[in-house]
């Protein structure tokens, strides 16, 4: 029996239910007090100065080394064109992305023959999730990355159904957008995808090359530009200081003092990474002015540190040396970081400091959703409370503060997908394009999770959020698979 052959549904019903749920939920959240927050444009590290967006956008993007340029380009165009009303424009764009996310999720599950009722239910649960709505109302790059990942899976599905150059270009164009927004999607990620597609579809080798080579060339151009200008073959120079968050920042004051006295690390270990330049006056000199504001500013016009200042390049090297020493001589500090990262990875998506004010307005519904669907049975007012609980001997109770259901379900979905791809006895009758897209989603989940949980510590549920669309699709296909196996045990 073909998959989903006897699953009757009413065409269009799922679309209408999803649209109604989207509109009603957004109206309800609005009346509850949730508003679009554009303050990241003025105050988050990832952004260049909004004044530079208005007056020196292209120059600033060319000399941007702390981040890939894609997201600053997109937001910068909006700020440049609508300097006094960019909040309204960004809100409209993010709301549109919310609609596209909802229907991309529904469409992707349809491609896997998930029944309409189940597809609609899962998509509705996803879009009414407080975390989803809060990211829709925050001017940061999680929402566009989530949308791009869903579109990438759909584009790959189209290519695998009928391989051709045009569909290969469509897929790799989406992958390029991902790379240009977040460094997590590395050149290695793109090379693996291109190689896997050539191996899986050798007759479409030319089409894959047509789609992938220009993208690889553009990524290499960005890496080479940063190498020539800043001696860093990468899309983002943050990695060095970011390692400090996972190593020296995890040391207790006594441990830091002891390791400094022993000469294992330098006194820089006692300065929290991503501090203002005035904290580092003993370690680096301010480079001569270049006349390029995005490289010269110690602070932006809005008063937050400019991590694109050239002085931070030297600090990244110093932090990386300390991190290497910790990895070799005191790895327990890094082990703490990894444990915290995995704890944070399974937190509900709304459990973020950035959302503290908005969460107060929807506290009752958020708690209900997080208990019922994530299994967060206890909630701490801050991450500091969790550290205090652990220090006081309450470590065994900590899982109750994260998503206990997610701890079980997400690894189970990954193992189920691996079994479908690797173990013939567990497979259902997958079409070739279904297996290819399933492998792509699984690879992306594993790659992005490995990068984020090894190189970051506190906001790992934010990094997981962009993968939750794939986890939702896996849940739909796994439930459908279980239903079909029960109906057709032979």
Protein backbone atom coordinates (compact mmCIF):
# COMPACT_ATOMS: atom_id res chain seq x y z
CA UNK A 1 0.00 0.00 0.00
CA UNK A 2 1.41 3.41 -0.88
CA UNK A 3 1.97 5.77 1.99
CA UNK A 4 -1.09 7.86 2.79
CA UNK A 5 -3.12 6.27 -0.02
CA UNK A 6 -6.28 5.76 2.03
CA UNK A 7 -5.94 8.82 4.27
CA UNK A 8 -8.93 10.91 3.28
CA UNK A 9 -9.01 14.61 3.87
CA UNK A 10 -10.84 17.69 2.70
CA UNK A 11 -8.60 19.77 0.43
CA UNK A 12 -8.14 23.24 1.80
CA UNK A 13 -9.52 22.54 5.26
CA UNK A 14 -6.07 22.42 6.86
CA UNK A 15 -5.11 25.69 5.19
CA UNK A 16 -8.21 27.43 6.53
CA UNK A 17 -7.75 26.09 10.05
CA UNK A 18 -4.10 27.13 10.01
CA UNK A 19 -4.91 30.63 8.76
CA UNK A 20 -7.65 31.05 11.36
CA UNK A 21 -5.33 29.88 14.13
CA UNK A 22 -2.59 32.24 12.99
CA UNK A 23 -4.85 35.30 12.84
CA UNK A 24 -6.71 34.59 16.09
CA UNK A 25 -3.53 33.81 18.01
CA UNK A 26 -1.84 37.02 16.83
CA UNK A 27 -4.87 39.08 17.77
CA UNK A 28 -5.00 37.41 21.18
CA UNK A 29 -1.29 37.96 21.81
CA UNK A 30 -1.63 41.60 20.73
CA UNK A 31 -4.46 42.27 23.16
CA UNK A 32 -2.45 40.49 25.85
CA UNK A 33 0.22 43.15 25.35
CA UNK A 34 2.81 41.52 23.09
CA UNK A 35 4.36 44.15 20.83
CA UNK A 36 7.08 44.07 18.20
CA UNK A 37 10.50 44.87 19.69
CA UNK A 38 12.95 46.58 17.36
CA UNK A 39 15.38 47.51 20.16
CA UNK A 40 17.90 44.85 19.00
CA UNK A 41 18.63 47.07 15.99
CA UNK A 42 19.87 49.72 18.42
CA UNK A 43 21.33 47.58 21.16
CA UNK A 44 22.28 44.02 20.13
CA UNK A 45 25.89 43.08 19.44
CA UNK A 46 25.04 41.53 16.08
CA UNK A 47 24.07 44.84 14.48
CA UNK A 48 26.19 47.60 13.09
CA UNK A 49 25.36 51.12 14.21
CA UNK A 50 21.93 52.17 12.85
CA UNK A 51 23.44 55.55 11.94
CA UNK A 52 25.94 53.71 9.75
CA UNK A 53 23.09 51.72 8.23
CA UNK A 54 21.55 55.00 7.11
CA UNK A 55 24.65 56.76 5.85
CA UNK A 56 27.51 54.27 5.28
CA UNK A 57 25.81 50.92 4.78
CA UNK A 58 27.88 49.40 1.97
CA UNK A 59 31.19 50.52 3.47
CA UNK A 60 30.22 49.12 6.87
CA UNK A 61 29.15 45.80 5.36
CA UNK A 62 32.42 45.47 3.46
CA UNK A 63 34.46 46.00 6.64
CA UNK A 64 32.16 43.91 8.83
CA UNK A 65 34.13 41.01 10.28
CA UNK A 66 32.23 40.10 13.45
CA UNK A 67 29.23 38.69 11.55
CA UNK A 68 28.35 37.52 8.04
CA UNK A 69 26.86 40.52 6.23
CA UNK A 70 23.48 39.14 5.13
CA UNK A 71 21.24 40.06 8.05
CA UNK A 72 22.77 43.51 8.50
CA UNK A 73 22.28 44.08 4.77
CA UNK A 74 18.59 43.18 4.92
CA UNK A 75 17.85 45.21 8.06
CA UNK A 76 20.15 48.01 6.91
CA UNK A 77 18.14 48.47 3.72
CA UNK A 78 14.96 48.79 5.77
CA UNK A 79 16.57 51.28 8.18
CA UNK A 80 18.05 53.27 5.29
CA UNK A 81 14.76 53.47 3.38
CA UNK A 82 12.55 54.01 6.43
CA UNK A 83 14.74 55.73 9.04
CA UNK A 84 11.84 56.98 11.15
CA UNK A 85 9.43 54.08 10.65
CA UNK A 86 11.60 50.98 10.28
CA UNK A 87 9.95 49.36 13.32
CA UNK A 88 6.59 49.23 11.52
CA UNK A 89 8.17 47.91 8.33
CA UNK A 90 10.15 45.23 10.17
CA UNK A 91 7.01 44.22 12.06
CA UNK A 92 5.15 43.73 8.78
CA UNK A 93 8.04 41.69 7.36
CA UNK A 94 8.23 39.46 10.43
CA UNK A 95 4.46 38.96 10.42
CA UNK A 96 4.66 37.93 6.77
CA UNK A 97 7.48 35.54 7.64
CA UNK A 98 5.20 34.05 10.30
CA UNK A 99 2.56 33.27 7.67
CA UNK A 100 5.19 31.79 5.37
CA UNK A 101 6.62 29.67 8.18
CA UNK A 102 3.17 28.31 9.01
CA UNK A 103 2.39 27.30 5.44
CA UNK A 104 5.92 26.08 4.66
CA UNK A 105 5.67 23.77 7.66
CA UNK A 106 2.27 22.50 6.52
CA UNK A 107 3.49 22.04 2.94
CA UNK A 108 6.61 20.16 4.01
CA UNK A 109 4.56 17.72 6.05
CA UNK A 110 2.26 17.23 3.08
CA UNK A 111 5.26 16.31 0.95
CA UNK A 112 5.93 13.54 3.46
CA UNK A 113 2.28 12.44 3.22
CA UNK A 114 1.48 13.32 6.82
CA UNK A 115 -2.35 13.25 7.07
CA UNK A 116 -4.01 16.65 6.76
CA UNK A 117 -5.50 16.60 10.23
CA UNK A 118 -2.19 15.75 11.88
CA UNK A 119 -0.29 18.24 9.71
CA UNK A 120 -2.68 21.03 10.60
CA UNK A 121 -2.63 20.16 14.30
CA UNK A 122 1.17 20.13 14.48
CA UNK A 123 1.51 23.34 12.45
CA UNK A 124 -1.07 25.10 14.65
CA UNK A 125 0.66 23.96 17.85
CA UNK A 126 3.90 25.28 16.42
CA UNK A 127 2.65 28.74 15.43
CA UNK A 128 0.65 29.43 18.61
CA UNK A 129 3.64 28.46 20.76
CA UNK A 130 4.55 31.50 22.90
CA UNK A 131 8.18 31.12 21.87
CA UNK A 132 7.30 31.26 18.18
CA UNK A 133 5.20 34.40 18.66
CA UNK A 134 7.88 36.08 20.76
CA UNK A 135 10.53 35.46 18.10
CA UNK A 136 8.08 36.83 15.54
CA UNK A 137 8.06 40.02 17.60
CA UNK A 138 11.81 40.39 18.06
CA UNK A 139 14.07 41.90 15.39
CA UNK A 140 16.70 39.18 15.44
CA UNK A 141 17.66 36.52 12.92
CA UNK A 142 16.05 33.37 14.38
CA UNK A 143 12.79 33.85 12.48
CA UNK A 144 14.34 34.29 9.01
CA UNK A 145 16.66 31.32 9.64
CA UNK A 146 13.69 29.13 10.60
CA UNK A 147 11.88 30.16 7.42
CA UNK A 148 14.94 29.60 5.23
CA UNK A 149 15.49 26.11 6.63
CA UNK A 150 11.91 25.13 5.84
CA UNK A 151 12.16 26.61 2.33
CA UNK A 152 15.49 24.83 1.81
CA UNK A 153 13.90 21.45 2.58
CA UNK A 154 11.04 22.17 0.16
CA UNK A 155 13.47 23.33 -2.54
CA UNK A 156 15.56 20.17 -2.09
CA UNK A 157 12.40 18.07 -2.34
CA UNK A 158 11.59 19.74 -5.69
CA UNK A 159 15.11 19.12 -6.94
CA UNK A 160 15.05 15.45 -5.94
CA UNK A 161 11.67 14.93 -7.64
CA UNK A 162 12.97 16.33 -10.93
CA UNK A 163 16.69 17.19 -10.85
CA UNK A 164 17.55 20.17 -13.02
CA UNK A 165 19.83 23.20 -12.92
CA UNK A 166 17.05 25.67 -12.06
CA UNK A 167 15.95 23.72 -8.99
CA UNK A 168 19.55 23.23 -7.92
CA UNK A 169 20.06 27.00 -8.12
CA UNK A 170 16.93 27.55 -6.03
CA UNK A 171 18.14 25.22 -3.29
CA UNK A 172 21.67 26.56 -3.09
CA UNK A 173 20.44 30.16 -3.19
CA UNK A 174 18.56 29.46 0.04
CA UNK A 175 21.65 27.81 1.52
CA UNK A 176 23.69 30.89 0.57
CA UNK A 177 21.21 33.09 2.42
CA UNK A 178 21.66 30.91 5.53
CA UNK A 179 25.44 31.15 5.34
CA UNK A 180 25.29 34.92 4.91
CA UNK A 181 23.10 35.30 8.00
CA UNK A 182 24.76 33.00 10.54
CA UNK A 183 28.29 31.63 10.64
CA UNK A 184 26.94 28.41 12.15
CA UNK A 185 26.19 27.37 8.56
CA UNK A 186 29.81 27.03 7.57
CA UNK A 187 31.50 26.45 4.24
CA UNK A 188 31.97 22.84 5.36
CA UNK A 189 28.18 22.50 5.67
CA UNK A 190 27.75 23.62 2.05
CA UNK A 191 30.51 21.36 0.73
CA UNK A 192 29.00 18.33 2.46
CA UNK A 193 25.59 19.10 0.97
CA UNK A 194 26.99 19.49 -2.55
CA UNK A 195 29.02 16.29 -2.25
CA UNK A 196 26.07 14.32 -0.91
CA UNK A 197 23.80 15.51 -3.73
CA UNK A 198 26.36 14.53 -6.36
CA UNK A 199 26.76 11.10 -4.74
CA UNK A 200 23.00 10.55 -4.51
CA UNK A 201 22.19 11.90 -7.98
CA UNK A 202 25.26 11.26 -10.16
CA UNK A 203 23.26 11.86 -13.37
CA UNK A 204 22.41 15.34 -12.08
CA UNK A 205 26.04 16.15 -11.33
CA UNK A 206 26.08 19.05 -13.78
CA UNK A 207 22.94 20.56 -12.28
CA UNK A 208 24.41 20.34 -8.79
CA UNK A 209 27.62 22.02 -9.95
CA UNK A 210 25.64 24.82 -11.61
CA UNK A 211 23.78 25.48 -8.39
CA UNK A 212 26.59 24.99 -5.90
CA UNK A 213 29.74 26.40 -7.50
CA UNK A 214 28.61 30.06 -7.60
CA UNK A 215 27.49 29.76 -3.97
CA UNK A 216 30.79 28.19 -2.90
CA UNK A 217 32.64 30.91 -4.82
CA UNK A 218 30.71 33.69 -3.05
CA UNK A 219 31.34 32.13 0.36
CA UNK A 220 35.03 31.77 -0.44
CA UNK A 221 35.08 35.40 -1.58
CA UNK A 222 33.75 36.45 1.83
CA UNK A 223 36.28 34.25 3.64
CA UNK A 224 39.16 35.51 1.49
CA UNK A 225 38.08 39.14 1.96
CA UNK A 226 38.22 38.66 5.72
CA UNK A 227 41.57 36.90 5.42
CA UNK A 228 43.07 39.75 3.38
CA UNK A 229 41.65 42.51 5.58
CA UNK A 230 41.68 40.87 9.02
CA UNK A 231 43.81 37.70 8.70
CA UNK A 232 40.79 35.53 9.54
CA UNK A 233 39.63 32.92 6.99
CA UNK A 234 36.04 32.90 8.23
CA UNK A 235 32.70 34.66 7.92
CA UNK A 236 32.75 35.72 11.57
CA UNK A 237 35.67 36.55 13.87
CA UNK A 238 33.68 35.98 17.06
CA UNK A 239 34.80 32.40 17.54
CA UNK A 240 37.87 33.25 19.63
CA UNK A 241 36.07 35.33 22.24
CA UNK A 242 33.05 33.01 22.09
CA UNK A 243 35.27 30.14 23.24
CA UNK A 244 35.97 32.20 26.36
CA UNK A 245 32.30 31.88 27.29
CA UNK A 246 32.67 28.09 27.24
CA UNK A 247 35.99 27.95 29.10
CA UNK A 248 37.37 30.75 31.30
CA UNK A 249 33.92 32.18 32.00
CA UNK A 250 32.99 28.84 33.57
CA UNK A 251 35.76 29.10 36.18
CA UNK A 252 34.98 30.01 39.77
CA UNK A 253 36.96 33.01 41.11
CA UNK A 254 39.17 30.64 43.13
CA UNK A 255 39.81 28.42 40.12
CA UNK A 256 40.66 31.41 37.95
CA UNK A 257 43.12 32.74 40.54
CA UNK A 258 44.76 29.34 40.94
CA UNK A 259 45.17 28.82 37.18
CA UNK A 260 46.53 32.33 36.74
CA UNK A 261 49.11 31.78 39.51
CA UNK A 262 50.10 28.50 37.87
CA UNK A 263 50.59 30.26 34.55
CA UNK A 264 47.98 28.11 32.81
CA UNK A 265 45.91 31.13 31.75
CA UNK A 266 46.51 34.88 31.72
CA UNK A 267 44.65 37.37 33.95
CA UNK A 268 42.37 38.00 30.97
CA UNK A 269 40.52 34.91 32.19
CA UNK A 270 38.88 37.03 34.92
CA UNK A 271 37.29 39.45 32.43
CA UNK A 272 33.93 38.26 31.05
CA UNK A 273 34.07 37.86 27.27
CA UNK A 274 32.40 40.58 25.21
CA UNK A 275 33.11 43.33 27.71
CA UNK A 276 33.64 46.93 26.67
CA UNK A 277 37.04 48.00 25.36
CA UNK A 278 37.83 49.97 28.50
CA UNK A 279 37.98 46.63 30.39
CA UNK A 280 40.88 45.50 28.18
CA UNK A 281 43.17 48.53 28.37
CA UNK A 282 45.91 46.44 30.01
CA UNK A 283 45.88 43.86 27.21
CA UNK A 284 45.46 45.68 23.90
CA UNK A 285 46.14 49.10 22.51
CA UNK A 286 43.52 50.88 20.48
CA UNK A 287 44.69 50.67 16.85
CA UNK A 288 45.27 53.88 14.89
CA UNK A 289 42.08 55.27 13.41
CA UNK A 290 41.31 54.14 9.91
CA UNK A 291 38.63 56.68 9.08
CA UNK A 292 36.13 53.83 8.77
CA UNK A 293 33.62 54.21 11.62
CA UNK A 294 32.59 50.55 11.77
CA UNK A 295 36.24 49.71 12.57
CA UNK A 296 37.04 52.75 14.73
CA UNK A 297 34.06 53.15 17.05
CA UNK A 298 34.56 51.89 20.60
CA UNK A 299 30.81 52.24 21.07
CA UNK A 300 27.98 52.71 18.64
CA UNK A 301 25.87 55.84 18.58
CA UNK A 302 23.35 53.99 20.76
CA UNK A 303 25.93 53.32 23.47
CA UNK A 304 26.69 49.60 23.23
CA UNK A 305 30.16 48.15 22.50
CA UNK A 306 31.15 47.94 18.87
CA UNK A 307 32.56 44.44 18.62
CA UNK A 308 33.65 45.16 15.07
CA UNK A 309 36.36 47.47 16.41
CA UNK A 310 39.78 46.32 15.24
CA UNK A 311 41.02 46.01 18.83
CA UNK A 312 38.73 43.04 19.38
CA UNK A 313 40.62 41.01 16.78
CA UNK A 314 43.63 40.84 19.10
CA UNK A 315 41.35 40.02 22.04
CA UNK A 316 39.85 37.10 20.14
CA UNK A 317 43.36 35.67 19.77
CA UNK A 318 44.09 36.14 23.48
CA UNK A 319 40.83 34.52 24.55
CA UNK A 320 41.45 31.62 22.19
CA UNK A 321 44.89 30.99 23.72
CA UNK A 322 43.34 30.86 27.18
CA UNK A 323 40.63 28.52 25.89
CA UNK A 324 43.22 26.18 24.39
CA UNK A 325 44.98 26.09 27.76
CA UNK A 326 41.71 25.24 29.53
CA UNK A 327 40.94 22.45 27.06
CA UNK A 328 44.38 20.92 27.69
CA UNK A 329 44.89 21.49 31.42
CA UNK A 330 41.48 22.04 33.03
CA UNK A 331 38.79 20.51 30.76
CA UNK A 332 36.28 20.28 33.61
CA UNK A 333 35.48 23.96 33.00
CA UNK A 334 34.56 23.19 29.40
CA UNK A 335 32.58 20.13 30.54
CA UNK A 336 30.47 22.47 32.69
CA UNK A 337 29.76 24.58 29.64
CA UNK A 338 28.63 21.57 27.61
CA UNK A 339 26.30 20.41 30.40
CA UNK A 340 24.77 23.87 30.67
CA UNK A 341 24.45 24.03 26.88
CA UNK A 342 22.47 20.79 26.73
CA UNK A 343 20.30 21.88 29.65
CA UNK A 344 19.54 25.13 27.85
CA UNK A 345 19.00 23.32 24.54
CA UNK A 346 15.92 21.57 25.91
CA UNK A 347 14.39 24.66 27.51
CA UNK A 348 11.10 25.94 26.06
CA UNK A 349 11.75 28.44 23.29
CA UNK A 350 10.14 31.28 25.24
CA UNK A 351 12.47 30.82 28.23
CA UNK A 352 14.88 33.59 27.25
CA UNK A 353 16.03 36.68 29.10
CA UNK A 354 15.24 38.75 25.99
CA UNK A 355 11.56 37.97 26.48
CA UNK A 356 11.28 38.72 30.20
CA UNK A 357 8.99 41.75 29.81
CA UNK A 358 6.74 40.17 27.17
CA UNK A 359 6.46 36.91 29.12
CA UNK A 360 4.93 38.74 32.08
CA UNK A 361 1.99 39.70 29.87
CA UNK A 362 1.28 36.13 28.79
CA UNK A 363 2.50 34.33 31.90
CA UNK A 364 -0.56 32.11 32.46
CA UNK A 365 -0.77 30.84 28.90
CA UNK A 366 3.00 30.47 28.61
CA UNK A 367 3.16 28.36 31.77
CA UNK A 368 0.25 26.21 30.55
CA UNK A 369 1.90 25.66 27.15
CA UNK A 370 5.35 24.97 28.60
CA UNK A 371 4.01 22.46 31.12
CA UNK A 372 1.69 20.61 28.72
CA UNK A 373 3.83 20.52 25.57
CA UNK A 374 7.42 20.88 26.83
CA UNK A 375 7.20 19.34 30.30
CA UNK A 376 8.74 22.29 32.12
CA UNK A 377 7.19 21.52 35.51
CA UNK A 378 9.14 24.14 37.43
CA UNK A 379 10.20 27.60 36.38
CA UNK A 380 13.06 29.71 37.71
CA UNK A 381 12.88 33.48 37.67
CA UNK A 382 16.40 33.62 36.21
CA UNK A 383 19.33 31.40 35.24
CA UNK A 384 21.12 32.65 38.39
CA UNK A 385 18.47 30.89 40.47
CA UNK A 386 19.31 27.64 38.70
CA UNK A 387 23.00 28.05 39.48
CA UNK A 388 22.11 28.72 43.11
CA UNK A 389 19.94 25.59 43.18
CA UNK A 390 22.76 23.48 41.77
CA UNK A 391 25.29 24.94 44.21
CA UNK A 392 23.00 24.19 47.14
CA UNK A 393 22.77 20.48 46.25
CA UNK A 394 19.56 20.55 44.24
CA UNK A 395 21.06 19.29 40.97
CA UNK A 396 18.69 16.29 40.80
CA UNK A 397 15.72 18.66 40.55
CA UNK A 398 17.19 20.65 37.63
CA UNK A 399 15.59 18.56 34.84
CA UNK A 400 12.18 19.71 36.08
CA UNK A 401 13.19 23.26 35.12
CA UNK A 402 13.93 22.40 31.49
CA UNK A 403 11.76 20.63 28.90
CA UNK A 404 11.54 17.10 30.28
CA UNK A 405 9.39 15.97 27.34
CA UNK A 406 11.93 17.41 24.90
CA UNK A 407 14.76 15.50 26.60
CA UNK A 408 12.98 12.29 25.61
CA UNK A 409 11.24 13.22 22.35
CA UNK A 410 13.97 15.07 20.44
CA UNK A 411 16.65 12.35 20.77
CA UNK A 412 13.97 9.75 19.99
CA UNK A 413 13.09 11.59 16.76
CA UNK A 414 16.75 11.75 15.77
CA UNK A 415 17.22 8.02 16.45
CA UNK A 416 14.04 7.21 14.54
CA UNK A 417 15.26 9.19 11.53
CA UNK A 418 18.66 7.50 11.69
CA UNK A 419 16.96 4.10 11.78
CA UNK A 420 14.85 4.99 8.75
CA UNK A 421 17.97 5.89 6.80
CA UNK A 422 20.36 3.20 8.00
CA UNK A 423 18.41 0.13 9.10
CA UNK A 424 16.30 -1.59 6.47
CA UNK A 425 14.23 -3.54 9.01
CA UNK A 426 12.82 -0.28 10.42
CA UNK A 427 12.15 1.45 7.11
CA UNK A 428 8.78 2.22 5.64
CA UNK A 429 8.34 2.65 1.90
CA UNK A 430 10.14 5.93 1.45
CA UNK A 431 10.38 7.53 -1.95
CA UNK A 432 13.84 8.57 -3.00
CA UNK A 433 13.15 12.27 -2.57
CA UNK A 434 11.69 11.64 0.90
CA UNK A 435 14.82 9.82 2.01
CA UNK A 436 17.02 12.60 0.63
CA UNK A 437 15.14 15.38 2.42
CA UNK A 438 14.93 13.33 5.60
CA UNK A 439 18.73 12.94 5.46
CA UNK A 440 19.14 16.68 4.84
CA UNK A 441 16.98 17.62 7.81
CA UNK A 442 18.74 15.14 10.06
CA UNK A 443 22.19 16.31 8.97
CA UNK A 444 21.21 19.94 9.55
CA UNK A 445 19.86 19.15 13.02
CA UNK A 446 23.02 17.25 14.01
CA UNK A 447 25.42 19.77 12.46
CA UNK A 448 23.77 22.89 13.89
CA UNK A 449 23.27 21.28 17.31
CA UNK A 450 26.88 20.10 17.50
CA UNK A 451 28.20 23.55 16.59
CA UNK A 452 25.94 25.48 18.97
CA UNK A 453 26.30 23.14 21.96
CA UNK A 454 30.07 22.95 21.67
CA UNK A 455 30.69 26.66 21.08
CA UNK A 456 28.00 28.37 23.17
CA UNK A 457 26.47 27.95 26.59
CA UNK A 458 23.44 29.94 27.67
CA UNK A 459 21.09 30.54 24.72
CA UNK A 460 21.04 27.11 23.17
CA UNK A 461 17.24 26.91 23.14
CA UNK A 462 17.41 29.98 20.86
CA UNK A 463 19.71 28.06 18.53
CA UNK A 464 17.39 25.03 18.72
CA UNK A 465 14.33 27.11 17.83
CA UNK A 466 15.38 27.37 14.18
CA UNK A 467 15.47 23.55 14.06
CA UNK A 468 12.08 23.07 15.69
CA UNK A 469 10.39 23.16 12.30
CA UNK A 470 12.38 20.09 11.29
CA UNK A 471 11.67 18.38 14.60
CA UNK A 472 7.96 19.03 14.01
CA UNK A 473 8.12 17.46 10.55
CA UNK A 474 9.97 14.47 11.97
CA UNK A 475 7.27 14.10 14.61
CA UNK A 476 4.57 14.12 11.93
CA UNK A 477 6.36 11.54 9.78
CA UNK A 478 7.15 9.32 12.78
CA UNK A 479 3.51 9.32 13.93
CA UNK A 480 2.38 8.61 10.38
CA UNK A 481 4.93 5.80 10.10
CA UNK A 482 3.70 4.24 13.35
CA UNK A 483 0.11 4.42 12.10
CA UNK A 484 0.96 2.81 8.78
CA UNK A 485 3.02 0.05 10.44
CA UNK A 486 0.13 -0.74 12.77
CA UNK A 487 -2.31 -0.86 9.85
CA UNK A 488 0.09 -2.90 7.69
CA UNK A 489 2.16 -5.06 10.05
CA UNK A 490 3.38 -7.23 7.22
